[in-house]
Amino acid sequence: MITGVYHTSFTVSDLDRSLAFYRDVLGLKVVVQQEKAGDYIEQVVAYPNAHLKIALLKAEGSDHVLELIEYVHPKGHAIDVSTPNPGSAHLCFRVDDLQRTYEALVAKGVRFKSPPVRITLGVNEGGQAVYLLDPDGITLELFQPPARPS
């Protein structure tokens, strides 16, 4: 029986480049960084001679872990991870001030799909959201929840 969610994982082309983005630009904290090879990892990922570089990161105040994996062997190839394609995914980060966060990230050269958008219907009406892209073109979202009356 499933009892919880441990982490979300993205396969990246260059772990160092991705760490520079997720850690240095977005401000996530590296929990652990390691390389794995040998029988155990070969069996889990089902690739002979698998060699992976892995980093686990967390946002401040969150227990959710983001795992970034670079396959050193076998080397993968880029796929189309555009948001409407089946199998693509995105990770949403909650922020307190979306406009301020957006402006700070634009100044750092982050690629956004649009400026922040006010949510006009549904359970998050009154909030704001925006999509951005990581160095591999993986979609991320920034979300500012709507103000709720106390």
Protein backbone atom coordinates (compact mmCIF):
# COMPACT_ATOMS: atom_id res chain seq x y z
CA MET A 1 0.00 0.00 0.00
CA ILE A 2 1.31 3.47 -0.85
CA THR A 3 1.89 5.53 2.30
CA GLY A 4 3.28 8.77 0.89
CA VAL A 5 5.37 10.47 -1.77
CA TYR A 6 9.15 10.54 -1.29
CA HIS A 7 10.45 12.50 -4.27
CA THR A 8 9.96 13.78 -7.80
CA SER A 9 12.75 13.05 -10.27
CA PHE A 10 13.91 14.68 -13.49
CA THR A 11 16.54 13.22 -15.80
CA VAL A 12 18.91 16.01 -16.85
CA SER A 13 21.65 16.18 -19.47
CA ASP A 14 24.29 17.81 -17.26
CA LEU A 15 23.98 17.63 -13.47
CA ASP A 16 26.45 20.45 -12.82
CA ARG A 17 24.53 22.80 -15.14
CA SER A 18 21.22 21.78 -13.53
CA LEU A 19 22.62 22.31 -10.03
CA ALA A 20 23.75 25.79 -11.05
CA PHE A 21 20.12 26.49 -12.00
CA TYR A 22 18.15 24.74 -9.22
CA ARG A 23 20.59 25.56 -6.40
CA ASP A 24 22.17 28.87 -7.42
CA VAL A 25 19.29 30.50 -9.34
CA LEU A 26 16.14 29.04 -7.73
CA GLY A 27 17.70 28.70 -4.26
CA LEU A 28 16.99 25.03 -3.53
CA LYS A 29 19.29 23.36 -1.00
CA VAL A 30 21.32 20.28 -1.93
CA VAL A 31 20.54 17.52 0.57
CA VAL A 32 22.90 14.95 -0.94
CA GLN A 33 24.97 14.54 -4.08
CA GLN A 34 26.34 11.17 -5.15
CA GLU A 35 27.28 8.84 -7.99
CA LYS A 36 25.90 5.34 -8.29
CA ALA A 37 27.07 2.41 -10.38
CA GLY A 38 27.06 -1.38 -10.02
CA ASP A 39 24.61 -4.20 -9.47
CA TYR A 40 22.08 -2.37 -7.30
CA ILE A 41 21.53 0.61 -9.59
CA GLU A 42 21.74 -1.54 -12.74
CA GLN A 43 18.85 -3.62 -11.41
CA VAL A 44 16.73 -0.65 -10.33
CA VAL A 45 17.03 1.27 -13.63
CA ALA A 46 17.28 -1.92 -15.75
CA TYR A 47 20.35 -0.81 -17.73
CA PRO A 48 23.56 -2.88 -17.68
CA ASN A 49 26.64 -0.89 -16.60
CA ALA A 50 24.45 1.99 -15.42
CA HIS A 51 26.35 4.94 -13.98
CA LEU A 52 24.35 7.84 -12.58
CA LYS A 53 25.15 11.21 -11.05
CA ILE A 54 22.40 12.16 -8.60
CA ALA A 55 21.50 15.18 -6.50
CA LEU A 56 18.62 15.50 -4.05
CA LEU A 57 17.35 19.02 -3.34
CA LYS A 58 14.69 20.66 -1.18
CA ALA A 59 13.02 24.04 -1.09
CA GLU A 60 13.28 25.81 2.25
CA GLY A 61 10.28 24.93 4.41
CA SER A 62 9.33 21.87 2.33
CA ASP A 63 9.80 18.17 2.95
CA HIS A 64 9.40 17.32 -0.73
CA VAL A 65 12.60 16.13 -2.42
CA LEU A 66 13.54 16.92 -6.02
CA GLU A 67 15.92 14.35 -7.46
CA LEU A 68 18.04 15.27 -10.48
CA ILE A 69 19.72 12.40 -12.33
CA GLU A 70 22.33 12.53 -15.08
CA TYR A 71 22.84 9.22 -16.85
CA VAL A 72 26.59 9.04 -17.45
CA HIS A 73 25.97 5.57 -18.89
CA PRO A 74 23.92 4.83 -20.84
CA LYS A 75 23.93 8.37 -22.20
CA GLY A 76 20.41 9.49 -23.06
CA HIS A 77 19.27 11.82 -25.79
CA ALA A 78 17.04 14.87 -25.61
CA ILE A 79 13.31 14.34 -26.07
CA ASP A 80 10.48 16.80 -26.60
CA VAL A 81 9.27 17.59 -23.08
CA SER A 82 6.82 20.28 -24.20
CA THR A 83 3.89 20.47 -21.80
CA PRO A 84 1.17 19.05 -24.09
CA ASN A 85 3.16 15.88 -24.85
CA PRO A 86 2.11 12.72 -22.99
CA GLY A 87 4.79 11.72 -20.52
CA SER A 88 5.99 15.25 -19.91
CA ALA A 89 5.69 16.58 -16.38
CA HIS A 90 6.16 19.76 -14.42
CA LEU A 91 6.90 20.65 -10.84
CA CYS A 92 5.15 23.57 -9.15
CA PHE A 93 6.86 25.71 -6.52
CA ARG A 94 4.78 27.83 -4.14
CA VAL A 95 5.97 31.42 -3.65
CA ASP A 96 4.86 34.30 -1.42
CA ASP A 97 5.29 37.12 -3.96
CA LEU A 98 5.14 35.90 -7.55
CA GLN A 99 5.79 39.28 -9.19
CA ARG A 100 8.92 39.90 -7.12
CA THR A 101 10.18 36.34 -7.68
CA TYR A 102 9.49 36.59 -11.42
CA GLU A 103 11.38 39.88 -11.73
CA ALA A 104 14.37 38.52 -9.78
CA LEU A 105 14.54 35.40 -11.96
CA VAL A 106 14.14 37.35 -15.21
CA ALA A 107 17.14 39.45 -14.08
CA LYS A 108 19.09 36.18 -13.71
CA GLY A 109 18.23 35.14 -17.27
CA VAL A 110 15.55 32.53 -16.51
CA ARG A 111 13.32 31.68 -19.51
CA PHE A 112 9.60 32.15 -18.84
CA LYS A 113 6.67 31.18 -21.08
CA SER A 114 4.75 34.34 -20.09
CA PRO A 115 4.61 36.98 -17.37
CA PRO A 116 2.67 36.00 -14.22
CA VAL A 117 -1.02 35.32 -14.90
CA ARG A 118 -3.88 35.95 -12.47
CA ILE A 119 -6.02 32.84 -11.96
CA THR A 120 -9.61 33.83 -12.75
CA LEU A 121 -11.57 30.68 -11.92
CA GLY A 122 -11.49 27.43 -10.03
CA VAL A 123 -10.22 26.63 -6.55
CA ASN A 124 -7.19 28.90 -6.93
CA GLU A 125 -9.11 31.94 -8.23
CA GLY A 126 -7.31 35.08 -7.14
CA GLY A 127 -3.91 33.42 -7.11
CA GLN A 128 -1.21 33.77 -9.74
CA ALA A 129 0.88 31.33 -11.76
CA VAL A 130 3.62 31.30 -14.38
CA TYR A 131 5.56 28.60 -16.27
CA LEU A 132 9.34 28.69 -16.70
CA LEU A 133 11.93 26.37 -18.22
CA ASP A 134 14.99 24.74 -16.71
CA PRO A 135 18.22 24.30 -18.74
CA ASP A 136 16.88 21.09 -20.35
CA GLY A 137 13.54 22.68 -21.26
CA ILE A 138 11.70 20.96 -18.39
CA THR A 139 8.66 23.02 -17.41
CA LEU A 140 8.45 24.36 -13.87
CA GLU A 141 5.67 26.45 -12.37
CA LEU A 142 5.66 29.20 -9.80
CA PHE A 143 2.37 29.55 -7.92
CA GLN A 144 1.19 32.19 -5.49
CA PRO A 145 -1.95 31.00 -3.71
CA PRO A 146 -4.90 33.36 -3.42
CA ALA A 147 -5.26 35.37 -0.24
CA ARG A 148 -7.76 33.60 2.02
CA PRO A 149 -9.86 35.48 4.56
CA SER A 150 -8.79 34.74 8.13
